[in-house]
Each structure stands twice: as C-alpha cells, then as structure tokens.
N, C-alpha and C. Protein backbone atom coordinates (compact mmCIF):
# COMPACT_ATOMS: atom_id res chain seq x y z
N UNK A 1 100.26 34.43 103.26
CA UNK A 1 100.94 34.00 102.26
C UNK A 1 100.37 31.89 102.78
N UNK A 2 100.23 31.37 101.86
CA UNK A 2 100.15 29.95 101.97
C UNK A 2 100.68 29.46 102.78
N UNK A 3 100.29 28.06 103.54
CA UNK A 3 101.23 27.17 104.22
C UNK A 3 100.91 26.07 104.19
N UNK A 4 101.70 24.90 103.59
CA UNK A 4 101.49 23.39 103.14
C UNK A 4 100.93 22.81 104.61
N UNK A 5 101.17 23.17 105.39
CA UNK A 5 100.87 22.83 106.79
C UNK A 5 99.48 23.28 106.99
N UNK A 6 98.76 23.92 106.31
CA UNK A 6 97.39 24.54 107.35
C UNK A 6 96.38 24.00 106.13
N UNK A 7 95.11 24.34 106.95
CA UNK A 7 94.13 23.95 106.49
C UNK A 7 93.87 22.20 105.69
N UNK A 8 94.48 21.18 106.97
CA UNK A 8 94.50 20.10 106.43
C UNK A 8 93.40 19.80 107.09
N UNK A 9 93.04 18.33 106.28
CA UNK A 9 91.55 17.85 106.61
C UNK A 9 91.35 17.63 108.15
N UNK A 10 90.55 17.60 108.55
CA UNK A 10 90.01 17.07 110.25
C UNK A 10 90.09 15.39 109.93
N UNK A 11 88.92 14.80 109.30
CA UNK A 11 88.68 13.60 109.02
C UNK A 11 89.36 13.45 107.39
N UNK A 12 89.38 11.73 107.25
CA UNK A 12 90.70 11.72 105.97
C UNK A 12 89.54 10.57 105.84
N UNK A 13 88.80 9.94 105.18
CA UNK A 13 88.27 8.95 105.03
C UNK A 13 88.62 7.79 103.49
N UNK A 14 89.35 8.90 103.21
CA UNK A 14 90.53 8.85 101.66
C UNK A 14 91.33 9.63 101.86
N UNK A 15 92.58 9.34 101.39
CA UNK A 15 93.97 10.44 100.96
C UNK A 15 92.94 11.45 99.86
N UNK A 16 93.77 12.39 100.57
CA UNK A 16 93.02 14.17 99.58
C UNK A 16 94.46 14.32 99.01
N UNK A 17 94.43 15.11 97.68
CA UNK A 17 95.21 15.20 96.79
C UNK A 17 94.92 16.73 96.23
N UNK A 18 95.77 17.80 96.77
CA UNK A 18 95.41 18.97 95.88
C UNK A 18 96.35 19.39 95.16
N UNK A 19 95.95 19.77 93.97
CA UNK A 19 97.06 20.18 93.04
C UNK A 19 97.24 22.10 93.34
N UNK A 20 98.59 22.24 93.97
CA UNK A 20 98.94 23.82 94.04
C UNK A 20 99.21 24.41 92.83
N UNK A 21 100.46 23.71 91.54
CA UNK A 21 100.51 24.03 90.27
C UNK A 21 100.26 23.41 89.29
N UNK A 22 99.95 23.78 88.32
CA UNK A 22 99.74 22.77 86.99
C UNK A 22 100.21 23.71 85.78
N UNK A 23 101.12 23.37 85.38
CA UNK A 23 101.74 23.44 83.89
C UNK A 23 101.79 22.47 82.73
N UNK A 24 102.02 22.74 81.53
CA UNK A 24 102.21 21.82 80.35
C UNK A 24 103.16 20.77 80.84
N UNK A 25 104.14 20.83 81.56
CA UNK A 25 105.35 20.15 81.85
C UNK A 25 105.19 19.89 83.66
N UNK A 26 104.74 20.42 84.09
CA UNK A 26 105.41 20.58 85.71
C UNK A 26 103.37 20.65 86.57
N UNK A 27 103.43 19.60 87.46
CA UNK A 27 102.24 19.54 88.67
C UNK A 27 102.57 19.81 89.97
N UNK A 28 102.62 20.40 90.84
CA UNK A 28 102.73 20.26 92.28
C UNK A 28 101.88 19.56 93.16
N UNK A 29 101.46 18.88 93.83
CA UNK A 29 100.49 18.55 94.68
C UNK A 29 100.58 18.17 96.04
N UNK A 30 99.74 18.63 97.10
CA UNK A 30 100.06 18.43 98.35
C UNK A 30 99.27 16.97 98.72
N UNK A 31 99.42 16.11 98.92
CA UNK A 31 98.64 14.88 99.70
C UNK A 31 98.72 14.72 100.71
N UNK A 32 97.82 14.39 101.65
CA UNK A 32 97.35 14.19 102.70
C UNK A 32 96.79 13.12 102.56
N UNK A 33 97.65 12.05 103.67
CA UNK A 33 97.13 10.60 104.18
C UNK A 33 97.15 10.50 105.76
N UNK A 34 96.28 9.82 106.03
CA UNK A 34 96.76 9.14 107.82
C UNK A 34 96.00 7.38 107.45
N UNK A 35 97.21 6.92 107.35
CA UNK A 35 96.68 5.45 107.58
C UNK A 35 96.51 4.83 106.35
N UNK A 36 96.39 5.74 104.99
CA UNK A 36 95.72 5.00 103.63
C UNK A 36 97.25 4.28 103.25
N UNK A 37 96.97 3.58 102.20
CA UNK A 37 97.72 2.84 100.78
C UNK A 37 97.08 2.68 99.75
N UNK A 38 98.27 2.47 98.90
CA UNK A 38 97.80 2.36 97.40
C UNK A 38 96.69 0.86 97.46
N UNK A 39 95.50 0.79 96.43
CA UNK A 39 95.12 -0.72 96.80
C UNK A 39 95.65 -1.80 96.41
N UNK A 40 95.48 -3.21 97.26
CA UNK A 40 96.48 -4.02 96.92
C UNK A 40 96.67 -4.33 94.89
N UNK A 41 97.57 -4.36 95.20
CA UNK A 41 97.80 -5.48 93.38
C UNK A 41 98.15 -4.08 92.15
N UNK A 42 97.48 -2.58 92.90
CA UNK A 42 97.84 -1.41 91.69
C UNK A 42 99.46 -0.86 92.39
N UNK A 43 99.76 -0.68 91.24
CA UNK A 43 101.61 0.39 91.11
C UNK A 43 100.88 1.41 89.90
N UNK A 44 101.53 3.01 90.97
CA UNK A 44 101.72 3.28 89.80
C UNK A 44 102.66 3.65 88.85
N UNK A 45 102.15 4.13 87.48
CA UNK A 45 103.50 3.80 86.49
C UNK A 45 103.56 5.20 85.81
N UNK A 46 103.97 6.00 86.35
CA UNK A 46 103.54 7.33 85.56
C UNK A 46 104.48 7.54 83.90
N UNK A 47 104.12 8.62 83.65
CA UNK A 47 104.98 9.05 82.29
C UNK A 47 106.16 10.01 82.99
N UNK A 48 105.61 10.54 83.80
CA UNK A 48 106.56 11.91 84.26
C UNK A 48 107.16 11.03 85.61
N UNK A 49 108.31 12.23 85.90
CA UNK A 49 109.43 11.90 86.85
C UNK A 49 108.41 12.76 88.43
N UNK A 50 108.99 11.90 89.04
CA UNK A 50 108.04 12.50 90.46
C UNK A 50 109.61 12.95 91.39
N UNK A 51 109.47 13.90 92.19
CA UNK A 51 110.02 14.76 93.27
C UNK A 51 109.24 14.55 94.55
N UNK A 52 109.27 14.07 95.19
CA UNK A 52 108.45 13.41 96.80
C UNK A 52 109.48 13.62 98.02
N UNK A 53 108.56 14.74 98.75
CA UNK A 53 109.13 15.08 99.77
C UNK A 53 108.16 14.67 101.20
N UNK A 54 108.40 14.00 102.19
CA UNK A 54 107.59 13.45 103.00
C UNK A 54 107.93 14.91 104.05
N UNK A 55 107.02 15.91 104.51
CA UNK A 55 107.01 16.99 105.10
C UNK A 55 106.53 16.51 106.61
N UNK A 56 105.33 15.82 106.81
CA UNK A 56 104.96 14.90 108.16
C UNK A 56 104.88 13.89 108.11
N UNK A 57 104.89 12.97 109.39
CA UNK A 57 104.72 11.89 109.32
C UNK A 57 105.07 11.08 109.14
N UNK A 58 104.81 9.41 108.22
CA UNK A 58 106.10 8.35 108.29
C UNK A 58 105.29 7.32 107.05
N UNK A 59 106.09 7.01 106.67
CA UNK A 59 105.56 6.38 105.26
C UNK A 59 106.61 5.47 104.77
N UNK A 60 106.10 4.15 103.85
CA UNK A 60 106.78 3.16 102.97
C UNK A 60 106.37 3.12 101.53
N UNK A 61 107.27 3.89 101.07
CA UNK A 61 106.66 3.30 99.62
C UNK A 61 107.50 1.78 99.05
N UNK A 62 106.97 1.62 98.64
CA UNK A 62 106.89 -0.10 97.82
C UNK A 62 107.05 -0.10 96.45
N UNK A 63 108.90 -0.41 95.89
CA UNK A 63 108.82 -0.43 94.66
C UNK A 63 108.74 -2.26 94.37
N UNK A 64 109.14 -2.30 93.06
CA UNK A 64 108.87 -3.78 93.07
C UNK A 64 110.78 -4.29 93.17
N UNK A 65 111.69 -3.16 93.52
CA UNK A 65 112.52 -4.18 94.10
C UNK A 65 113.15 -3.85 95.29
N UNK A 66 112.18 -3.06 95.97
CA UNK A 66 113.09 -2.24 97.41
C UNK A 66 111.54 -1.77 97.85
N UNK A 67 111.72 -1.32 99.48
CA UNK A 67 111.00 -0.79 99.98
C UNK A 67 111.88 0.05 100.86
N UNK A 68 111.11 1.73 100.79
CA UNK A 68 111.79 2.34 101.07
C UNK A 68 110.80 3.20 102.17
N UNK A 69 111.48 3.36 103.59
CA UNK A 69 110.77 3.97 104.28
C UNK A 69 110.94 5.49 104.96
N UNK A 70 110.20 6.27 104.93
CA UNK A 70 110.02 7.88 104.98
C UNK A 70 109.57 8.24 106.79
N UNK A 71 111.00 8.89 107.05
CA UNK A 71 110.13 9.71 108.03
C UNK A 71 110.22 11.15 107.59
N UNK A 72 109.35 12.39 108.17
CA UNK A 72 108.77 13.49 107.86
C UNK A 72 110.85 14.50 107.64
N UNK A 73 110.66 15.17 106.41
CA UNK A 73 112.11 15.34 106.01
C UNK A 73 112.69 14.87 104.69
N UNK A 74 112.21 13.63 104.68
CA UNK A 74 112.93 12.57 103.50
C UNK A 74 112.36 13.13 102.29
N UNK A 75 112.96 12.71 101.25
CA UNK A 75 112.80 12.92 99.93
C UNK A 75 113.06 11.68 99.40
N UNK A 76 112.76 11.99 98.00
CA UNK A 76 113.70 10.64 96.72
C UNK A 76 112.96 10.99 95.55
N UNK A 77 113.80 10.56 94.51
CA UNK A 77 112.77 11.19 92.89
C UNK A 77 112.82 9.74 92.35
N UNK A 78 111.66 9.80 91.75
CA UNK A 78 110.76 8.68 91.36
C UNK A 78 111.58 8.68 89.98
N UNK A 79 111.70 8.16 89.19
CA UNK A 79 111.94 8.03 87.36
C UNK A 79 110.60 7.84 86.79
N UNK A 80 110.45 8.33 85.81
CA UNK A 80 108.99 7.69 84.86
C UNK A 80 109.55 6.69 84.99
N UNK A 81 107.98 5.97 85.00
CA UNK A 81 107.82 4.67 85.04
C UNK A 81 108.37 3.61 85.71
N UNK A 82 108.66 4.41 86.81
CA UNK A 82 109.54 3.09 87.66
C UNK A 82 107.95 2.85 89.02
N UNK A 83 107.40 1.50 88.80
CA UNK A 83 106.66 0.95 89.55
C UNK A 83 106.88 1.16 90.98
N UNK A 84 105.89 2.17 91.53
CA UNK A 84 105.66 2.03 93.28
C UNK A 84 104.54 2.27 93.30
N UNK A 85 104.21 1.96 94.75
CA UNK A 85 103.00 2.11 95.58
C UNK A 85 102.99 2.77 97.03
N UNK A 86 102.46 3.14 97.51
CA UNK A 86 102.40 3.48 99.18
C UNK A 86 102.24 2.01 99.90
N UNK A 87 102.72 1.49 100.26
CA UNK A 87 102.84 0.27 101.14
C UNK A 87 102.09 0.53 102.57
N UNK A 88 101.90 1.91 102.98
CA UNK A 88 101.96 1.90 104.89
C UNK A 88 102.70 3.65 104.84
N UNK A 89 101.08 4.33 105.47
CA UNK A 89 101.51 5.85 106.21
C UNK A 89 100.92 5.72 107.16
N UNK A 90 101.91 6.35 108.30
CA UNK A 90 101.38 6.33 109.74
C UNK A 90 99.92 6.41 109.93
N UNK A 91 99.04 5.72 110.90
CA UNK A 91 97.80 5.78 111.09
C UNK A 91 97.43 6.58 112.33
N UNK A 92 98.30 7.17 112.86
CA UNK A 92 98.29 7.98 114.36
C UNK A 92 98.85 9.48 113.64
N UNK A 93 99.05 9.52 112.92
CA UNK A 93 99.20 11.17 112.05
C UNK A 93 98.95 11.53 111.18
N UNK A 94 99.13 12.38 110.25
CA UNK A 94 99.27 13.18 109.44
C UNK A 94 100.04 13.15 108.70
N UNK A 95 100.00 12.34 107.54
CA UNK A 95 101.27 12.57 106.56
C UNK A 95 101.16 13.19 105.38
N UNK A 96 102.19 14.40 105.67
CA UNK A 96 101.78 15.34 104.43
C UNK A 96 102.96 15.37 103.52
N UNK A 97 102.12 14.66 101.92
CA UNK A 97 103.93 14.77 100.94
C UNK A 97 103.53 16.21 100.16
N UNK A 98 104.69 16.53 99.78
CA UNK A 98 104.94 17.19 98.19
C UNK A 98 105.52 16.66 96.95
N UNK A 99 104.49 16.34 96.37
CA UNK A 99 104.75 15.98 95.24
C UNK A 99 105.30 16.68 93.93
N UNK A 100 106.12 16.42 93.72
CA UNK A 100 106.26 17.26 92.32
C UNK A 100 106.88 16.30 90.80
N UNK A 101 105.32 16.51 89.93
CA UNK A 101 105.81 15.90 88.93
C UNK A 101 106.51 16.53 87.52
N UNK A 102 107.25 16.22 86.86
CA UNK A 102 107.96 16.75 85.83
C UNK A 102 108.16 16.22 84.25
N UNK A 103 108.42 16.44 83.15
CA UNK A 103 109.01 15.76 82.51
C UNK A 103 110.13 15.83 82.02
C-alpha cells in the first residue's frame, strides 16, 4: 500500500511535487519542502479550488490580506483565484503537503 510519508527525498535543493492522481476535474499532489518558499513577488492565482493539508512540518501561507501559520495536521480550503504564496517552511524538518485541486 502506498504511504504519503514514504520515499521522501533525502536532499531537497528545490521543492518536489509528485502528482498522485489526475483527471479532468481533479488533481492530487504530494508536495515536499524543507525551507522552501514561493519566489518573492510571485503569487499563485489558480483557476481551481485547493484543499491543502500539512501532513508533517510547519509552514506559513501568505494571502493578500493575512498570513496563516500551519502545523502538522492543519488544513485549509483556498478558493479559486485567491492569491497566495508560501512565505515560509521549516528548514529543520521536511514539510509534506497533500494538495487537492478541484473545479
């Protein structure tokens, strides 16, 4: 049985995204980061909704009007076209995200 916390990269020079499921109206990704952030000045502005849960680690997501801190187990729903960026992920531990994108 596949495990979301198995086979994590030993070294992360860049954030790693693994697509687990893809269909016409749905995409599920495992995103792994250690100290990675969205490049300065870049904002995600996605045409689909996103449900994201932080499985391990710690992170901060920045929106235009607020910053949200996440610990392992925290989740949130990001409506389509709500601009956001990853402001911080823990450099001391692997942050593993499960992101579900849907129409």
